Amino acid sequence: MQGKILSTQLIIGDDGKLYEYDKNDVVNLDGKDLAVLTDSQVDFVSFDDRVAKSIYIINENVNVSGILSADRISFARLSALWGLGLEFFSCIPDIGHIGLIIGIVGFVLYSMAIYSVSKAAASKSLFKNYIKAVIIGFLGVFFFVLANSEHVSIGTSVIAVLLLCAIIALIVVIYFYKIHAELARLSGSSLFLWAFWIYTVSVLLYFVFGIFTGFAGFITFAGFAVSIIVLVPLFVAWWRFGKVEKR
C-alpha cells in the first residue's frame, strides 16, 4: 500500500486510514530526520488497520519549515547548555565583577534558547511569559535591596516593602511554572518541572532565611548549593531536548 508521511508517528494511506509507525521500520531513511520528511510519499505493508511496517520512501519531500525547526532546537539546546554553564560559574562566591559579567552572558544565552524554542514550536506564550517573569523578577530584586538599605526606616515601611517582595516572588513563581510546564510539554521531559519545584522551594527558603537571619555566610553558601541543585535537572533536560513535541 502507498501513502504519505503526516508526522514522525503517523502515515495516511491511500485508503484514507491513519497508520502508526516506528522510524526503525523506514528501510531507506538513511539517517535523515523524519521531522523534515513530512508529505513524502511512501510504500508500506500493514498487517492490521493501525500499524505500518516495511516502509520505503518512494518520493522524498523535504519540509523546509521542519529543517528550520530542527536547526532552532539545536541552537536552543547549545545556547541553553552554555548559558547554564556560565550561570553555574557566576554563582561561585568571591569572584567579584567577573561573576556578574559571566552571569549576564549566561542569562543572554539562556534567553536566546527560550526564544528559539518558542519560534520552533510556534508558541505565542513561552517567550512572552519568560520576559514577564524576568521583568517582574528584576523589580522584586530592586525592592528587596531597597528593604535592606539604610534609606528605608525600620518599621511599617520595611514591612510594606517586604510584603511587596513576597507578592512579586509569588507572581514570578506562577510565570516560572507556566514556562517550565510548557518546556516539559514541548520536550516531553518532566525534568523541567522538577527544576521548577526545586527552584520554588529554594527561593522560599532563601527568602525566609535572608529576611529573618543574619547568617550572611550561610546564605551565600546556600545560594551556591541551591544553584547547583537547580542547574542539574535543567542541564540534563536541555541535553536531551532533541525535538519539539507539538500536541
Protein backbone atom coordinates (compact mmCIF):
# COMPACT_ATOMS: atom_id res chain seq x y z
CA MET A 1 0.00 0.00 0.00
CA GLN A 2 1.10 3.57 -0.61
CA GLY A 3 0.55 6.68 1.46
CA LYS A 4 2.07 9.89 2.79
CA ILE A 5 4.02 10.75 5.95
CA LEU A 6 1.95 13.06 8.16
CA SER A 7 4.30 13.24 11.15
CA THR A 8 7.09 11.34 12.85
CA GLN A 9 4.49 8.81 14.04
CA LEU A 10 1.66 8.76 11.50
CA ILE A 11 1.17 7.82 7.85
CA ILE A 12 -2.05 8.37 5.94
CA GLY A 13 -2.67 5.62 3.42
CA ASP A 14 -4.27 5.95 0.01
CA ASP A 15 -7.29 4.30 1.60
CA GLY A 16 -7.72 7.35 3.86
CA LYS A 17 -6.80 5.48 7.05
CA LEU A 18 -4.15 6.56 9.55
CA TYR A 19 -1.30 4.16 10.35
CA GLU A 20 1.15 4.42 13.23
CA TYR A 21 4.77 3.56 12.54
CA ASP A 22 8.22 3.48 14.10
CA LYS A 23 11.15 5.18 12.35
CA ASN A 24 13.12 1.93 12.61
CA ASP A 25 10.64 0.45 10.11
CA VAL A 26 11.59 3.04 7.47
CA VAL A 27 14.01 0.94 5.43
CA ASN A 28 15.68 3.68 3.40
CA LEU A 29 15.66 6.52 5.95
CA ASP A 30 19.49 6.62 5.82
CA GLY A 31 19.84 8.74 8.96
CA LYS A 32 17.51 11.50 7.80
CA ASP A 33 15.28 13.34 10.29
CA LEU A 34 11.64 12.33 9.82
CA ALA A 35 10.58 15.78 11.01
CA VAL A 36 11.80 17.23 7.69
CA LEU A 37 10.23 14.49 5.53
CA THR A 38 6.55 15.17 6.14
CA ASP A 39 4.39 14.83 3.00
CA SER A 40 6.88 12.37 1.48
CA GLN A 41 5.26 9.52 -0.46
CA VAL A 42 5.87 6.03 0.96
CA ASP A 43 5.14 2.42 0.18
CA PHE A 44 4.41 0.18 3.17
CA VAL A 45 2.93 -3.05 4.41
CA SER A 46 0.17 -3.17 7.02
CA PHE A 47 -0.77 -6.33 8.87
CA ASP A 48 -3.75 -4.63 10.55
CA ASP A 49 -5.63 -1.34 10.32
CA ARG A 50 -3.31 0.59 12.62
CA VAL A 51 0.40 -0.18 12.09
CA ALA A 52 2.65 0.32 9.05
CA LYS A 53 5.74 -1.86 8.54
CA SER A 54 8.49 -2.24 5.90
CA ILE A 55 8.20 1.41 4.87
CA TYR A 56 10.01 2.68 1.77
CA ILE A 57 10.22 6.37 0.87
CA ILE A 58 9.45 6.47 -2.84
CA ASN A 59 9.10 10.22 -3.37
CA GLU A 60 11.01 12.33 -0.87
CA ASN A 61 9.64 15.74 0.04
CA VAL A 62 11.93 17.95 2.14
CA ASN A 63 9.97 20.13 4.55
CA VAL A 64 11.85 23.44 4.84
CA SER A 65 9.95 24.54 7.95
CA GLY A 66 10.89 21.24 9.56
CA ILE A 67 14.56 21.91 8.86
CA LEU A 68 14.27 25.39 10.36
CA SER A 69 12.61 23.97 13.47
CA ALA A 70 15.31 21.34 13.85
CA ASP A 71 18.03 23.98 13.47
CA ARG A 72 16.32 26.20 16.03
CA ILE A 73 16.11 23.36 18.53
CA SER A 74 19.81 22.52 18.05
CA PHE A 75 20.71 26.18 18.51
CA ALA A 76 18.42 26.42 21.56
CA ARG A 77 19.96 23.35 23.19
CA LEU A 78 23.52 24.63 22.66
CA SER A 79 22.65 28.14 23.89
CA ALA A 80 20.87 26.78 26.97
CA LEU A 81 23.74 24.47 27.91
CA TRP A 82 26.31 27.25 27.58
CA GLY A 83 24.03 29.65 29.42
CA LEU A 84 23.50 27.25 32.32
CA GLY A 85 27.23 26.51 32.47
CA LEU A 86 28.06 30.20 32.70
CA GLU A 87 25.34 30.73 35.31
CA PHE A 88 26.94 28.00 37.38
CA PHE A 89 30.35 29.68 37.31
CA SER A 90 28.80 33.06 38.08
CA CYS A 91 27.41 31.61 41.34
CA ILE A 92 30.89 30.79 42.66
CA PRO A 93 31.43 33.02 45.72
CA ASP A 94 34.07 35.76 45.84
CA ILE A 95 34.79 36.14 42.11
CA GLY A 96 33.59 39.75 42.06
CA HIS A 97 32.66 41.62 38.91
CA ILE A 98 33.83 38.77 36.69
CA GLY A 99 31.00 36.65 38.08
CA LEU A 100 28.50 39.40 37.23
CA ILE A 101 29.73 39.61 33.63
CA ILE A 102 29.67 35.82 33.26
CA GLY A 103 26.15 35.74 34.72
CA ILE A 104 24.90 38.36 32.26
CA VAL A 105 26.33 36.45 29.29
CA GLY A 106 24.77 33.24 30.60
CA PHE A 107 21.42 34.99 31.01
CA VAL A 108 21.52 36.29 27.43
CA LEU A 109 22.35 32.84 26.05
CA TYR A 110 19.57 31.19 28.04
CA SER A 111 17.11 33.85 26.87
CA MET A 112 18.12 33.11 23.28
CA ALA A 113 17.41 29.42 23.93
CA ILE A 114 13.90 30.14 25.18
CA TYR A 115 13.26 32.41 22.18
CA SER A 116 14.47 29.74 19.73
CA VAL A 117 12.22 27.07 21.26
CA SER A 118 9.21 29.40 21.15
CA LYS A 119 9.85 30.05 17.45
CA ALA A 120 10.37 26.37 16.62
CA ALA A 121 7.17 25.44 18.43
CA ALA A 122 5.25 28.48 17.12
CA SER A 123 4.37 29.22 20.75
CA LYS A 124 2.68 32.52 21.49
CA SER A 125 3.13 32.26 25.25
CA LEU A 126 6.55 30.75 26.07
CA PHE A 127 8.87 33.69 25.40
CA LYS A 128 6.22 36.21 26.43
CA ASN A 129 5.88 34.56 29.85
CA TYR A 130 9.67 34.40 30.13
CA ILE A 131 10.06 38.14 29.51
CA LYS A 132 7.31 38.92 32.04
CA ALA A 133 8.99 36.72 34.65
CA VAL A 134 12.36 38.42 34.05
CA ILE A 135 10.97 41.97 34.29
CA ILE A 136 8.90 41.24 37.40
CA GLY A 137 11.84 39.34 38.93
CA PHE A 138 14.15 42.35 38.48
CA LEU A 139 11.55 44.53 40.20
CA GLY A 140 11.48 42.07 43.08
CA VAL A 141 15.27 42.21 43.44
CA PHE A 142 15.15 46.01 43.40
CA PHE A 143 12.57 46.18 46.18
CA PHE A 144 14.39 43.51 48.21
CA VAL A 145 17.60 45.53 48.05
CA LEU A 146 15.60 48.64 48.95
CA ALA A 147 14.15 46.92 52.01
CA ASN A 148 17.65 46.16 53.25
CA SER A 149 19.09 49.61 52.54
CA GLU A 150 19.69 52.36 55.06
CA HIS A 151 17.28 54.65 53.21
CA VAL A 152 14.25 52.67 54.44
CA SER A 153 13.47 53.20 58.10
CA ILE A 154 12.71 50.28 60.38
CA GLY A 155 9.02 49.71 60.88
CA THR A 156 5.96 49.94 58.68
CA SER A 157 7.88 50.93 55.52
CA VAL A 158 10.13 47.86 55.72
CA ILE A 159 7.17 45.55 56.29
CA ALA A 160 5.35 47.08 53.31
CA VAL A 161 8.35 46.63 51.01
CA LEU A 162 8.91 43.05 52.17
CA LEU A 163 5.23 42.27 51.63
CA LEU A 164 5.52 43.68 48.11
CA CYS A 165 8.60 41.49 47.55
CA ALA A 166 6.63 38.43 48.66
CA ILE A 167 3.80 39.24 46.23
CA ILE A 168 6.26 39.78 43.38
CA ALA A 169 8.01 36.49 44.21
CA LEU A 170 4.66 34.68 44.05
CA ILE A 171 3.90 36.19 40.63
CA VAL A 172 7.34 35.19 39.34
CA VAL A 173 6.82 31.63 40.61
CA ILE A 174 3.50 31.44 38.72
CA TYR A 175 5.14 32.57 35.48
CA PHE A 176 8.06 30.21 36.02
CA TYR A 177 5.62 27.35 36.41
CA LYS A 178 3.99 28.25 33.10
CA ILE A 179 7.39 28.42 31.39
CA HIS A 180 8.68 25.11 32.73
CA ALA A 181 5.36 23.34 32.21
CA GLU A 182 5.39 24.37 28.55
CA LEU A 183 9.03 23.34 28.15
CA ALA A 184 8.17 19.98 29.72
CA ARG A 185 5.25 19.55 27.32
CA LEU A 186 7.20 20.60 24.24
CA SER A 187 10.27 18.50 25.07
CA GLY A 188 8.46 15.55 26.63
CA SER A 189 10.77 15.81 29.67
CA SER A 190 9.40 16.15 33.21
CA LEU A 191 12.86 17.30 34.36
CA PHE A 192 11.87 20.86 33.52
CA LEU A 193 9.09 20.64 36.11
CA TRP A 194 11.44 19.05 38.64
CA ALA A 195 13.76 22.02 38.17
CA PHE A 196 10.84 24.38 38.75
CA TRP A 197 9.80 22.76 42.04
CA ILE A 198 13.39 22.75 43.32
CA TYR A 199 13.68 26.41 42.32
CA THR A 200 10.44 27.30 44.09
CA VAL A 201 11.43 25.64 47.36
CA SER A 202 14.90 27.17 47.21
CA VAL A 203 13.54 30.70 46.62
CA LEU A 204 11.16 30.31 49.55
CA LEU A 205 13.89 29.12 51.90
CA TYR A 206 16.35 31.71 50.64
CA PHE A 207 13.77 34.48 51.10
CA VAL A 208 12.85 33.39 54.63
CA PHE A 209 16.45 32.92 55.78
CA GLY A 210 17.53 36.13 54.08
CA ILE A 211 14.95 38.17 55.98
CA PHE A 212 14.91 36.58 59.39
CA THR A 213 18.57 35.59 59.87
CA GLY A 214 21.83 37.39 59.78
CA PHE A 215 23.92 34.45 58.66
CA ALA A 216 25.33 36.09 55.56
CA GLY A 217 27.94 33.38 55.05
CA PHE A 218 25.31 30.66 55.29
CA ILE A 219 23.07 32.50 52.82
CA THR A 220 25.93 32.77 50.32
CA PHE A 221 26.76 29.08 50.64
CA ALA A 222 23.08 28.06 50.48
CA GLY A 223 22.55 30.13 47.33
CA PHE A 224 25.52 28.47 45.65
CA ALA A 225 24.40 24.96 46.72
CA VAL A 226 20.82 25.52 45.55
CA SER A 227 22.04 26.89 42.22
CA ILE A 228 23.91 23.64 41.62
CA ILE A 229 20.87 21.55 42.56
CA VAL A 230 18.57 23.51 40.26
CA LEU A 231 21.01 23.51 37.34
CA VAL A 232 21.47 19.72 37.31
CA PRO A 233 17.92 18.74 36.16
CA LEU A 234 17.80 21.73 33.82
CA PHE A 235 21.12 20.78 32.23
CA VAL A 236 20.01 17.17 31.70
CA ALA A 237 16.62 18.29 30.32
CA TRP A 238 18.23 20.60 27.77
CA TRP A 239 20.84 17.98 26.88
CA ARG A 240 18.02 15.56 25.97
CA PHE A 241 15.97 18.23 24.16
CA GLY A 242 16.05 16.88 20.60
CA LYS A 243 12.71 17.85 19.10
CA VAL A 244 9.51 19.73 19.80
CA GLU A 245 6.55 17.57 20.79
CA LYS A 246 3.68 19.55 19.28
CA ARG A 247 0.41 18.43 20.83
